[in-house]
Amino acid sequence: MPDFAEALTEVCEAVLSEVLGATGRDSASWWLARSGTSLSDCARRPQEFDDALVDMFQPTGALVIEGRILGRFYRAIGARYESGTELCFAEEVRKAREAFGKRPSLYP
C-alpha cells in the first residue's frame, strides 16, 4: 500500500494526464522541474507546488487542477471532499494527509 506522498503523486499524475493529455503532463512536469519542484512536491511541498502551478496556469487554472487532484484523492481513499470557492492548497493537503491517516485499514 502506498504512503501518502506516493498516493497523492499518483493522483496528481493521473489528473494532469486527464486534463492536459500525456504530452501536456510531460510538459508540466518539465516546467515544474525547471521551477525547482516536481509532481511529488504536491504532497511534500504543497505551497511550492501551488506556486509553480499558478505560474504555469494562472490562478484560475491552478485552482481547477488542484481541485481535481484533491477531489480524486479523497474519492480514492473513500473520504468526502468539500470544495469551496477559496482554496489554500497547502492547507488542503494537510487535511488530506490527516484523512489518509484516518482511513479504515483494508487489512486486518
PDB file of N, CA and C in Angstrom:
ATOM      1  N   MET A   1       0.852  -1.175   0.000  1.00  0.00           N
ATOM      2  CA  MET A   1       0.000   0.000   0.000  1.00  0.00           C
ATOM      3  C   MET A   1       0.897   1.237   0.000  1.00  0.00           C
ATOM      4  N   PRO A   2       0.628   2.192  -0.889  1.00  0.00           N
ATOM      5  CA  PRO A   2       1.474   3.381  -0.953  1.00  0.00           C
ATOM      6  C   PRO A   2       1.292   4.280   0.269  1.00  0.00           C
ATOM      7  N   ASP A   3       2.326   5.042   0.563  1.00  0.00           N
ATOM      8  CA  ASP A   3       2.192   6.028   1.621  1.00  0.00           C
ATOM      9  C   ASP A   3       1.478   7.259   1.049  1.00  0.00           C
ATOM     10  N   PHE A   4       1.264   8.241   1.896  1.00  0.00           N
ATOM     11  CA  PHE A   4       0.507   9.418   1.487  1.00  0.00           C
ATOM     12  C   PHE A   4       1.128  10.104   0.270  1.00  0.00           C
ATOM     13  N   ALA A   5       2.429  10.355   0.319  1.00  0.00           N
ATOM     14  CA  ALA A   5       3.091  11.076  -0.773  1.00  0.00           C
ATOM     15  C   ALA A   5       2.978  10.310  -2.089  1.00  0.00           C
ATOM     16  N   GLU A   6       3.172   8.998  -2.038  1.00  0.00           N
ATOM     17  CA  GLU A   6       3.053   8.189  -3.255  1.00  0.00           C
ATOM     18  C   GLU A   6       1.630   8.220  -3.793  1.00  0.00           C
ATOM     19  N   ALA A   7       0.652   8.091  -2.905  1.00  0.00           N
ATOM     20  CA  ALA A   7      -0.749   8.081  -3.328  1.00  0.00           C
ATOM     21  C   ALA A   7      -1.142   9.412  -3.951  1.00  0.00           C
ATOM     22  N   LEU A   8      -0.753  10.521  -3.332  1.00  0.00           N
ATOM     23  CA  LEU A   8      -1.110  11.832  -3.869  1.00  0.00           C
ATOM     24  C   LEU A   8      -0.373  12.109  -5.175  1.00  0.00           C
ATOM     25  N   THR A   9       0.872  11.671  -5.290  1.00  0.00           N
ATOM     26  CA  THR A   9       1.626  11.849  -6.531  1.00  0.00           C
ATOM     27  C   THR A   9       0.974  11.079  -7.670  1.00  0.00           C
ATOM     28  N   GLU A  10       0.517   9.858  -7.406  1.00  0.00           N
ATOM     29  CA  GLU A  10      -0.173   9.075  -8.439  1.00  0.00           C
ATOM     30  C   GLU A  10      -1.426   9.784  -8.910  1.00  0.00           C
ATOM     31  N   VAL A  11      -2.178  10.332  -7.973  1.00  0.00           N
ATOM     32  CA  VAL A  11      -3.394  11.062  -8.329  1.00  0.00           C
ATOM     33  C   VAL A  11      -3.038  12.308  -9.126  1.00  0.00           C
ATOM     34  N   CYS A  12      -2.011  13.004  -8.717  1.00  0.00           N
ATOM     35  CA  CYS A  12      -1.573  14.217  -9.413  1.00  0.00           C
ATOM     36  C   CYS A  12      -1.215  13.888 -10.866  1.00  0.00           C
ATOM     37  N   GLU A  13      -0.460  12.837 -11.077  1.00  0.00           N
ATOM     38  CA  GLU A  13      -0.095  12.416 -12.433  1.00  0.00           C
ATOM     39  C   GLU A  13      -1.332  12.079 -13.256  1.00  0.00           C
ATOM     40  N   ALA A  14      -2.267  11.356 -12.651  1.00  0.00           N
ATOM     41  CA  ALA A  14      -3.482  10.962 -13.357  1.00  0.00           C
ATOM     42  C   ALA A  14      -4.314  12.182 -13.747  1.00  0.00           C
ATOM     43  N   VAL A  15      -4.452  13.125 -12.837  1.00  0.00           N
ATOM     44  CA  VAL A  15      -5.251  14.324 -13.124  1.00  0.00           C
ATOM     45  C   VAL A  15      -4.585  15.161 -14.210  1.00  0.00           C
ATOM     46  N   LEU A  16      -3.285  15.351 -14.122  1.00  0.00           N
ATOM     47  CA  LEU A  16      -2.608  16.123 -15.165  1.00  0.00           C
ATOM     48  C   LEU A  16      -2.731  15.437 -16.517  1.00  0.00           C
ATOM     49  N   SER A  17      -2.670  14.118 -16.544  1.00  0.00           N
ATOM     50  CA  SER A  17      -2.858  13.388 -17.798  1.00  0.00           C
ATOM     51  C   SER A  17      -4.275  13.576 -18.329  1.00  0.00           C
ATOM     52  N   GLU A  18      -5.245  13.530 -17.428  1.00  0.00           N
ATOM     53  CA  GLU A  18      -6.647  13.687 -17.820  1.00  0.00           C
ATOM     54  C   GLU A  18      -6.914  15.095 -18.355  1.00  0.00           C
ATOM     55  N   VAL A  19      -6.391  16.090 -17.678  1.00  0.00           N
ATOM     56  CA  VAL A  19      -6.662  17.475 -18.047  1.00  0.00           C
ATOM     57  C   VAL A  19      -5.827  17.919 -19.246  1.00  0.00           C
ATOM     58  N   LEU A  20      -4.560  17.511 -19.287  1.00  0.00           N
ATOM     59  CA  LEU A  20      -3.629  18.031 -20.280  1.00  0.00           C
ATOM     60  C   LEU A  20      -3.226  17.028 -21.355  1.00  0.00           C
ATOM     61  N   GLY A  21      -3.529  15.759 -21.147  1.00  0.00           N
ATOM     62  CA  GLY A  21      -3.032  14.721 -22.035  1.00  0.00           C
ATOM     63  C   GLY A  21      -1.615  14.346 -21.635  1.00  0.00           C
ATOM     64  N   ALA A  22      -1.108  13.280 -22.224  1.00  0.00           N
ATOM     65  CA  ALA A  22       0.220  12.781 -21.846  1.00  0.00           C
ATOM     66  C   ALA A  22       1.315  13.796 -22.166  1.00  0.00           C
ATOM     67  N   THR A  23       1.244  14.424 -23.323  1.00  0.00           N
ATOM     68  CA  THR A  23       2.259  15.400 -23.703  1.00  0.00           C
ATOM     69  C   THR A  23       2.198  16.621 -22.799  1.00  0.00           C
ATOM     70  N   GLY A  24       0.996  17.073 -22.492  1.00  0.00           N
ATOM     71  CA  GLY A  24       0.837  18.210 -21.586  1.00  0.00           C
ATOM     72  C   GLY A  24       1.327  17.892 -20.189  1.00  0.00           C
ATOM     73  N   ARG A  25       1.058  16.674 -19.730  1.00  0.00           N
ATOM     74  CA  ARG A  25       1.558  16.248 -18.414  1.00  0.00           C
ATOM     75  C   ARG A  25       3.077  16.271 -18.391  1.00  0.00           C
ATOM     76  N   ASP A  26       3.684  15.762 -19.456  1.00  0.00           N
ATOM     77  CA  ASP A  26       5.146  15.758 -19.533  1.00  0.00           C
ATOM     78  C   ASP A  26       5.698  17.182 -19.589  1.00  0.00           C
ATOM     79  N   SER A  27       5.018  18.061 -20.306  1.00  0.00           N
ATOM     80  CA  SER A  27       5.442  19.463 -20.363  1.00  0.00           C
ATOM     81  C   SER A  27       5.298  20.127 -18.999  1.00  0.00           C
ATOM     82  N   ALA A  28       4.208  19.838 -18.308  1.00  0.00           N
ATOM     83  CA  ALA A  28       4.010  20.393 -16.967  1.00  0.00           C
ATOM     84  C   ALA A  28       5.078  19.866 -16.014  1.00  0.00           C
ATOM     85  N   SER A  29       5.426  18.590 -16.128  1.00  0.00           N
ATOM     86  CA  SER A  29       6.490  18.019 -15.289  1.00  0.00           C
ATOM     87  C   SER A  29       7.820  18.711 -15.566  1.00  0.00           C
ATOM     88  N   TRP A  30       8.091  18.977 -16.836  1.00  0.00           N
ATOM     89  CA  TRP A  30       9.313  19.684 -17.210  1.00  0.00           C
ATOM     90  C   TRP A  30       9.316  21.088 -16.605  1.00  0.00           C
ATOM     91  N   TRP A  31       8.183  21.784 -16.716  1.00  0.00           N
ATOM     92  CA  TRP A  31       8.084  23.140 -16.171  1.00  0.00           C
ATOM     93  C   TRP A  31       8.256  23.127 -14.646  1.00  0.00           C
ATOM     94  N   LEU A  32       7.641  22.165 -13.995  1.00  0.00           N
ATOM     95  CA  LEU A  32       7.797  22.052 -12.543  1.00  0.00           C
ATOM     96  C   LEU A  32       9.271  21.859 -12.184  1.00  0.00           C
ATOM     97  N   ALA A  33       9.958  20.975 -12.914  1.00  0.00           N
ATOM     98  CA  ALA A  33      11.378  20.729 -12.652  1.00  0.00           C
ATOM     99  C   ALA A  33      12.193  22.002 -12.870  1.00  0.00           C
ATOM    100  N   ARG A  34      11.849  22.720 -13.888  1.00  0.00           N
ATOM    101  CA  ARG A  34      12.540  23.990 -14.166  1.00  0.00           C
ATOM    102  C   ARG A  34      12.304  25.004 -13.042  1.00  0.00           C
ATOM    103  N   SER A  35      11.171  24.886 -12.390  1.00  0.00           N
ATOM    104  CA  SER A  35      10.819  25.774 -11.277  1.00  0.00           C
ATOM    105  C   SER A  35      11.353  25.263  -9.937  1.00  0.00           C
ATOM    106  N   GLY A  36      12.052  24.128  -9.964  1.00  0.00           N
ATOM    107  CA  GLY A  36      12.627  23.579  -8.737  1.00  0.00           C
ATOM    108  C   GLY A  36      11.670  22.705  -7.945  1.00  0.00           C
ATOM    109  N   THR A  37      10.594  22.241  -8.581  1.00  0.00           N
ATOM    110  CA  THR A  37       9.633  21.354  -7.926  1.00  0.00           C
ATOM    111  C   THR A  37       9.392  20.134  -8.806  1.00  0.00           C
ATOM    112  N   SER A  38       8.556  19.237  -8.316  1.00  0.00           N
ATOM    113  CA  SER A  38       8.208  18.040  -9.084  1.00  0.00           C
ATOM    114  C   SER A  38       6.786  17.619  -8.723  1.00  0.00           C
ATOM    115  N   LEU A  39       6.297  16.610  -9.400  1.00  0.00           N
ATOM    116  CA  LEU A  39       4.953  16.108  -9.078  1.00  0.00           C
ATOM    117  C   LEU A  39       4.886  15.596  -7.648  1.00  0.00           C
ATOM    118  N   SER A  40       5.964  15.025  -7.147  1.00  0.00           N
ATOM    119  CA  SER A  40       5.947  14.520  -5.771  1.00  0.00           C
ATOM    120  C   SER A  40       5.882  15.656  -4.749  1.00  0.00           C
ATOM    121  N   ASP A  41       6.226  16.865  -5.170  1.00  0.00           N
ATOM    122  CA  ASP A  41       6.124  18.006  -4.256  1.00  0.00           C
ATOM    123  C   ASP A  41       4.679  18.394  -3.990  1.00  0.00           C
ATOM    124  N   CYS A  42       3.771  17.837  -4.750  1.00  0.00           N
ATOM    125  CA  CYS A  42       2.344  18.051  -4.478  1.00  0.00           C
ATOM    126  C   CYS A  42       2.055  17.686  -3.027  1.00  0.00           C
ATOM    127  N   ALA A  43       2.666  16.620  -2.538  1.00  0.00           N
ATOM    128  CA  ALA A  43       2.461  16.163  -1.165  1.00  0.00           C
ATOM    129  C   ALA A  43       3.534  16.674  -0.222  1.00  0.00           C
ATOM    130  N   ARG A  44       4.756  16.773  -0.694  1.00  0.00           N
ATOM    131  CA  ARG A  44       5.876  17.102   0.189  1.00  0.00           C
ATOM    132  C   ARG A  44       6.061  18.602   0.417  1.00  0.00           C
ATOM    133  N   ARG A  45       5.828  19.379  -0.626  1.00  0.00           N
ATOM    134  CA  ARG A  45       5.976  20.839  -0.547  1.00  0.00           C
ATOM    135  C   ARG A  45       4.801  21.481  -1.286  1.00  0.00           C
ATOM    136  N   PRO A  46       3.611  21.352  -0.726  1.00  0.00           N
ATOM    137  CA  PRO A  46       2.420  21.787  -1.458  1.00  0.00           C
ATOM    138  C   PRO A  46       2.389  23.274  -1.797  1.00  0.00           C
ATOM    139  N   GLN A  47       2.949  24.125  -0.955  1.00  0.00           N
ATOM    140  CA  GLN A  47       2.923  25.554  -1.279  1.00  0.00           C
ATOM    141  C   GLN A  47       3.800  25.854  -2.494  1.00  0.00           C
ATOM    142  N   GLU A  48       4.966  25.235  -2.565  1.00  0.00           N
ATOM    143  CA  GLU A  48       5.841  25.426  -3.714  1.00  0.00           C
ATOM    144  C   GLU A  48       5.209  24.849  -4.979  1.00  0.00           C
ATOM    145  N   PHE A  49       4.554  23.698  -4.833  1.00  0.00           N
ATOM    146  CA  PHE A  49       3.850  23.092  -5.961  1.00  0.00           C
ATOM    147  C   PHE A  49       2.749  24.034  -6.445  1.00  0.00           C
ATOM    148  N   ASP A  50       1.979  24.569  -5.515  1.00  0.00           N
ATOM    149  CA  ASP A  50       0.917  25.516  -5.853  1.00  0.00           C
ATOM    150  C   ASP A  50       1.491  26.743  -6.558  1.00  0.00           C
ATOM    151  N   ASP A  51       2.555  27.301  -6.029  1.00  0.00           N
ATOM    152  CA  ASP A  51       3.170  28.483  -6.638  1.00  0.00           C
ATOM    153  C   ASP A  51       3.591  28.198  -8.083  1.00  0.00           C
ATOM    154  N   ALA A  52       4.177  27.026  -8.320  1.00  0.00           N
ATOM    155  CA  ALA A  52       4.609  26.659  -9.669  1.00  0.00           C
ATOM    156  C   ALA A  52       3.405  26.489 -10.598  1.00  0.00           C
ATOM    157  N   LEU A  53       2.317  25.870 -10.102  1.00  0.00           N
ATOM    158  CA  LEU A  53       1.121  25.724 -10.931  1.00  0.00           C
ATOM    159  C   LEU A  53       0.510  27.085 -11.266  1.00  0.00           C
ATOM    160  N   VAL A  54       0.495  27.989 -10.298  1.00  0.00           N
ATOM    161  CA  VAL A  54      -0.040  29.335 -10.549  1.00  0.00           C
ATOM    162  C   VAL A  54       0.807  30.041 -11.605  1.00  0.00           C
ATOM    163  N   ASP A  55       2.124  29.897 -11.533  1.00  0.00           N
ATOM    164  CA  ASP A  55       2.995  30.492 -12.556  1.00  0.00           C
ATOM    165  C   ASP A  55       2.698  29.915 -13.934  1.00  0.00           C
ATOM    166  N   MET A  56       2.420  28.625 -13.974  1.00  0.00           N
ATOM    167  CA  MET A  56       2.212  27.936 -15.230  1.00  0.00           C
ATOM    168  C   MET A  56       0.810  28.160 -15.807  1.00  0.00           C
ATOM    169  N   PHE A  57      -0.207  28.102 -14.956  1.00  0.00           N
ATOM    170  CA  PHE A  57      -1.590  28.084 -15.432  1.00  0.00           C
ATOM    171  C   PHE A  57      -2.430  29.276 -14.977  1.00  0.00           C
ATOM    172  N   GLN A  58      -1.793  30.234 -14.291  1.00  0.00           N
ATOM    173  CA  GLN A  58      -2.510  31.364 -13.712  1.00  0.00           C
ATOM    174  C   GLN A  58      -3.384  30.847 -12.563  1.00  0.00           C
ATOM    175  N   PRO A  59      -3.865  31.730 -11.700  1.00  0.00           N
ATOM    176  CA  PRO A  59      -4.607  31.272 -10.510  1.00  0.00           C
ATOM    177  C   PRO A  59      -5.833  30.411 -10.824  1.00  0.00           C
ATOM    178  N   THR A  60      -6.589  30.778 -11.842  1.00  0.00           N
ATOM    179  CA  THR A  60      -7.810  30.019 -12.136  1.00  0.00           C
ATOM    180  C   THR A  60      -7.492  28.610 -12.624  1.00  0.00           C
ATOM    181  N   GLY A  61      -6.515  28.468 -13.500  1.00  0.00           N
ATOM    182  CA  GLY A  61      -6.136  27.152 -13.998  1.00  0.00           C
ATOM    183  C   GLY A  61      -5.579  26.269 -12.893  1.00  0.00           C
ATOM    184  N   ALA A  62      -4.749  26.865 -12.040  1.00  0.00           N
ATOM    185  CA  ALA A  62      -4.189  26.110 -10.914  1.00  0.00           C
ATOM    186  C   ALA A  62      -5.300  25.649  -9.980  1.00  0.00           C
ATOM    187  N   LEU A  63      -6.273  26.518  -9.730  1.00  0.00           N
ATOM    188  CA  LEU A  63      -7.398  26.176  -8.857  1.00  0.00           C
ATOM    189  C   LEU A  63      -8.174  24.984  -9.403  1.00  0.00           C
ATOM    190  N   VAL A  64      -8.421  24.972 -10.702  1.00  0.00           N
ATOM    191  CA  VAL A  64      -9.150  23.858 -11.314  1.00  0.00           C
ATOM    192  C   VAL A  64      -8.363  22.561 -11.167  1.00  0.00           C
ATOM    193  N   ILE A  65      -7.089  22.597 -11.486  1.00  0.00           N
ATOM    194  CA  ILE A  65      -6.258  21.393 -11.405  1.00  0.00           C
ATOM    195  C   ILE A  65      -6.149  20.906  -9.967  1.00  0.00           C
ATOM    196  N   GLU A  66      -5.880  21.804  -9.041  1.00  0.00           N
ATOM    197  CA  GLU A  66      -5.742  21.408  -7.635  1.00  0.00           C
ATOM    198  C   GLU A  66      -7.054  20.873  -7.069  1.00  0.00           C
ATOM    199  N   GLY A  67      -8.169  21.465  -7.463  1.00  0.00           N
ATOM    200  CA  GLY A  67      -9.470  20.963  -7.020  1.00  0.00           C
ATOM    201  C   GLY A  67      -9.713  19.544  -7.515  1.00  0.00           C
ATOM    202  N   ARG A  68      -9.327  19.286  -8.752  1.00  0.00           N
ATOM    203  CA  ARG A  68      -9.478  17.924  -9.291  1.00  0.00           C
ATOM    204  C   ARG A  68      -8.560  16.932  -8.591  1.00  0.00           C
ATOM    205  N   ILE A  69      -7.337  17.362  -8.313  1.00  0.00           N
ATOM    206  CA  ILE A  69      -6.392  16.489  -7.604  1.00  0.00           C
ATOM    207  C   ILE A  69      -6.976  16.107  -6.249  1.00  0.00           C
ATOM    208  N   LEU A  70      -7.427  17.087  -5.504  1.00  0.00           N
ATOM    209  CA  LEU A  70      -7.963  16.821  -4.168  1.00  0.00           C
ATOM    210  C   LEU A  70      -9.234  15.979  -4.234  1.00  0.00           C
ATOM    211  N   GLY A  71     -10.130  16.301  -5.149  1.00  0.00           N
ATOM    212  CA  GLY A  71     -11.368  15.531  -5.280  1.00  0.00           C
ATOM    213  C   GLY A  71     -11.107  14.073  -5.605  1.00  0.00           C
ATOM    214  N   ARG A  72     -10.216  13.820  -6.551  1.00  0.00           N
ATOM    215  CA  ARG A  72      -9.905  12.437  -6.914  1.00  0.00           C
ATOM    216  C   ARG A  72      -9.186  11.716  -5.782  1.00  0.00           C
ATOM    217  N   PHE A  73      -8.296  12.411  -5.083  1.00  0.00           N
ATOM    218  CA  PHE A  73      -7.592  11.784  -3.974  1.00  0.00           C
ATOM    219  C   PHE A  73      -8.571  11.346  -2.893  1.00  0.00           C
ATOM    220  N   TYR A  74      -9.489  12.228  -2.522  1.00  0.00           N
ATOM    221  CA  TYR A  74     -10.462  11.878  -1.484  1.00  0.00           C
ATOM    222  C   TYR A  74     -11.345  10.712  -1.935  1.00  0.00           C
ATOM    223  N   ARG A  75     -11.745  10.698  -3.184  1.00  0.00           N
ATOM    224  CA  ARG A  75     -12.530   9.556  -3.685  1.00  0.00           C
ATOM    225  C   ARG A  75     -11.708   8.268  -3.597  1.00  0.00           C
ATOM    226  N   ALA A  76     -10.429   8.344  -3.917  1.00  0.00           N
ATOM    227  CA  ALA A  76      -9.562   7.165  -3.902  1.00  0.00           C
ATOM    228  C   ALA A  76      -9.420   6.576  -2.505  1.00  0.00           C
ATOM    229  N   ILE A  77      -9.471   7.424  -1.487  1.00  0.00           N
ATOM    230  CA  ILE A  77      -9.323   6.901  -0.116  1.00  0.00           C
ATOM    231  C   ILE A  77     -10.682   6.708   0.560  1.00  0.00           C
ATOM    232  N   GLY A  78     -11.755   6.931  -0.182  1.00  0.00           N
ATOM    233  CA  GLY A  78     -13.090   6.692   0.357  1.00  0.00           C
ATOM    234  C   GLY A  78     -13.557   7.751   1.334  1.00  0.00           C
ATOM    235  N   ALA A  79     -13.074   8.977   1.158  1.00  0.00           N
ATOM    236  CA  ALA A  79     -13.482  10.073   2.043  1.00  0.00           C
ATOM    237  C   ALA A  79     -14.219  11.129   1.222  1.00  0.00           C
ATOM    238  N   ARG A  80     -14.868  12.014   1.918  1.00  0.00           N
ATOM    239  CA  ARG A  80     -15.636  13.064   1.262  1.00  0.00           C
ATOM    240  C   ARG A  80     -14.829  14.355   1.234  1.00  0.00           C
ATOM    241  N   TYR A  81     -14.833  15.018   0.078  1.00  0.00           N
ATOM    242  CA  TYR A  81     -14.117  16.282  -0.081  1.00  0.00           C
ATOM    243  C   TYR A  81     -15.123  17.379  -0.381  1.00  0.00           C
ATOM    244  N   GLU A  82     -15.051  18.421   0.399  1.00  0.00           N
ATOM    245  CA  GLU A  82     -15.916  19.588   0.205  1.00  0.00           C
ATOM    246  C   GLU A  82     -15.065  20.715  -0.362  1.00  0.00           C
ATOM    247  N   SER A  83     -15.279  21.031  -1.623  1.00  0.00           N
ATOM    248  CA  SER A  83     -14.524  22.137  -2.207  1.00  0.00           C
ATOM    249  C   SER A  83     -15.303  23.431  -2.024  1.00  0.00           C
ATOM    250  N   GLY A  84     -14.575  24.484  -1.768  1.00  0.00           N
ATOM    251  CA  GLY A  84     -15.193  25.791  -1.599  1.00  0.00           C
ATOM    252  C   GLY A  84     -14.710  26.734  -2.680  1.00  0.00           C
ATOM    253  N   THR A  85     -15.086  27.990  -2.553  1.00  0.00           N
ATOM    254  CA  THR A  85     -14.658  28.978  -3.543  1.00  0.00           C
ATOM    255  C   THR A  85     -13.230  29.433  -3.294  1.00  0.00           C
ATOM    256  N   GLU A  86     -12.771  29.327  -2.076  1.00  0.00           N
ATOM    257  CA  GLU A  86     -11.387  29.669  -1.725  1.00  0.00           C
ATOM    258  C   GLU A  86     -10.641  28.366  -1.455  1.00  0.00           C
ATOM    259  N   LEU A  87      -9.450  28.269  -1.979  1.00  0.00           N
ATOM    260  CA  LEU A  87      -8.676  27.055  -1.791  1.00  0.00           C
ATOM    261  C   LEU A  87      -7.249  27.433  -1.414  1.00  0.00           C
ATOM    262  N   CYS A  88      -6.838  27.028  -0.236  1.00  0.00           N
ATOM    263  CA  CYS A  88      -5.437  27.135   0.171  1.00  0.00           C
ATOM    264  C   CYS A  88      -4.880  25.722   0.022  1.00  0.00           C
ATOM    265  N   PHE A  89      -4.181  25.491  -1.079  1.00  0.00           N
ATOM    266  CA  PHE A  89      -3.764  24.145  -1.414  1.00  0.00           C
ATOM    267  C   PHE A  89      -2.927  23.505  -0.310  1.00  0.00           C
ATOM    268  N   ALA A  90      -1.996  24.251   0.261  1.00  0.00           N
ATOM    269  CA  ALA A  90      -1.147  23.684   1.321  1.00  0.00           C
ATOM    270  C   ALA A  90      -1.992  23.219   2.501  1.00  0.00           C
ATOM    271  N   GLU A  91      -2.983  23.995   2.882  1.00  0.00           N
ATOM    272  CA  GLU A  91      -3.864  23.616   3.993  1.00  0.00           C
ATOM    273  C   GLU A  91      -4.710  22.397   3.622  1.00  0.00           C
ATOM    274  N   GLU A  92      -5.191  22.359   2.393  1.00  0.00           N
ATOM    275  CA  GLU A  92      -5.999  21.219   1.953  1.00  0.00           C
ATOM    276  C   GLU A  92      -5.168  19.943   1.892  1.00  0.00           C
ATOM    277  N   VAL A  93      -3.907  20.044   1.519  1.00  0.00           N
ATOM    278  CA  VAL A  93      -3.032  18.864   1.516  1.00  0.00           C
ATOM    279  C   VAL A  93      -2.806  18.379   2.943  1.00  0.00           C
ATOM    280  N   ARG A  94      -2.667  19.312   3.879  1.00  0.00           N
ATOM    281  CA  ARG A  94      -2.534  18.924   5.291  1.00  0.00           C
ATOM    282  C   ARG A  94      -3.771  18.148   5.738  1.00  0.00           C
ATOM    283  N   LYS A  95      -4.957  18.632   5.380  1.00  0.00           N
ATOM    284  CA  LYS A  95      -6.209  17.944   5.734  1.00  0.00           C
ATOM    285  C   LYS A  95      -6.288  16.579   5.041  1.00  0.00           C
ATOM    286  N   ALA A  96      -5.833  16.517   3.795  1.00  0.00           N
ATOM    287  CA  ALA A  96      -5.846  15.245   3.062  1.00  0.00           C
ATOM    288  C   ALA A  96      -4.918  14.229   3.730  1.00  0.00           C
ATOM    289  N   ARG A  97      -3.777  14.702   4.231  1.00  0.00           N
ATOM    290  CA  ARG A  97      -2.849  13.811   4.942  1.00  0.00           C
ATOM    291  C   ARG A  97      -3.520  13.238   6.183  1.00  0.00           C
ATOM    292  N   GLU A  98      -4.257  14.080   6.913  1.00  0.00           N
ATOM    293  CA  GLU A  98      -4.987  13.608   8.100  1.00  0.00           C
ATOM    294  C   GLU A  98      -6.050  12.584   7.710  1.00  0.00           C
ATOM    295  N   ALA A  99      -6.800  12.874   6.656  1.00  0.00           N
ATOM    296  CA  ALA A  99      -7.840  11.945   6.201  1.00  0.00           C
ATOM    297  C   ALA A  99      -7.229  10.624   5.759  1.00  0.00           C
ATOM    298  N   PHE A 100      -6.074  10.675   5.113  1.00  0.00           N
ATOM    299  CA  PHE A 100      -5.379   9.465   4.675  1.00  0.00           C
ATOM    300  C   PHE A 100      -4.997   8.615   5.875  1.00  0.00           C
ATOM    301  N   GLY A 101      -4.533   9.253   6.932  1.00  0.00           N
ATOM    302  CA  GLY A 101      -4.147   8.524   8.137  1.00  0.00           C
ATOM    303  C   GLY A 101      -5.320   7.932   8.889  1.00  0.00           C
ATOM    304  N   LYS A 102      -6.509   8.484   8.695  1.00  0.00           N
ATOM    305  CA  LYS A 102      -7.700   8.012   9.410  1.00  0.00           C
ATOM    306  C   LYS A 102      -8.538   7.010   8.620  1.00  0.00           C
ATOM    307  N   ARG A 103      -8.164   6.755   7.381  1.00  0.00           N
ATOM    308  CA  ARG A 103      -8.972   5.852   6.563  1.00  0.00           C
ATOM    309  C   ARG A 103      -8.944   4.450   7.168  1.00  0.00           C
ATOM    310  N   PRO A 104     -10.011   3.710   6.992  1.00  0.00           N
ATOM    311  CA  PRO A 104     -10.043   2.356   7.544  1.00  0.00           C
ATOM    312  C   PRO A 104      -9.005   1.473   6.848  1.00  0.00           C
ATOM    313  N   SER A 105      -8.388   0.633   7.603  1.00  0.00           N
ATOM    314  CA  SER A 105      -7.399  -0.278   7.054  1.00  0.00           C
ATOM    315  C   SER A 105      -8.092  -1.336   6.196  1.00  0.00           C
ATOM    316  N   LEU A 106      -7.476  -1.648   5.073  1.00  0.00           N
ATOM    317  CA  LEU A 106      -8.021  -2.686   4.201  1.00  0.00           C
ATOM    318  C   LEU A 106      -7.570  -4.067   4.632  1.00  0.00           C
ATOM    319  N   TYR A 107      -6.617  -4.096   5.553  1.00  0.00           N
ATOM    320  CA  TYR A 107      -6.070  -5.361   6.017  1.00  0.00           C
ATOM    321  C   TYR A 107      -6.257  -5.501   7.516  1.00  0.00           C
ATOM    322  N   PRO A 108      -6.637  -6.681   7.983  1.00  0.00           N
ATOM    323  CA  PRO A 108      -6.826  -6.875   9.434  1.00  0.00           C
ATOM    324  C   PRO A 108      -5.531  -6.841  10.202  1.00  0.00           C
TER     325      PRO A 108
END
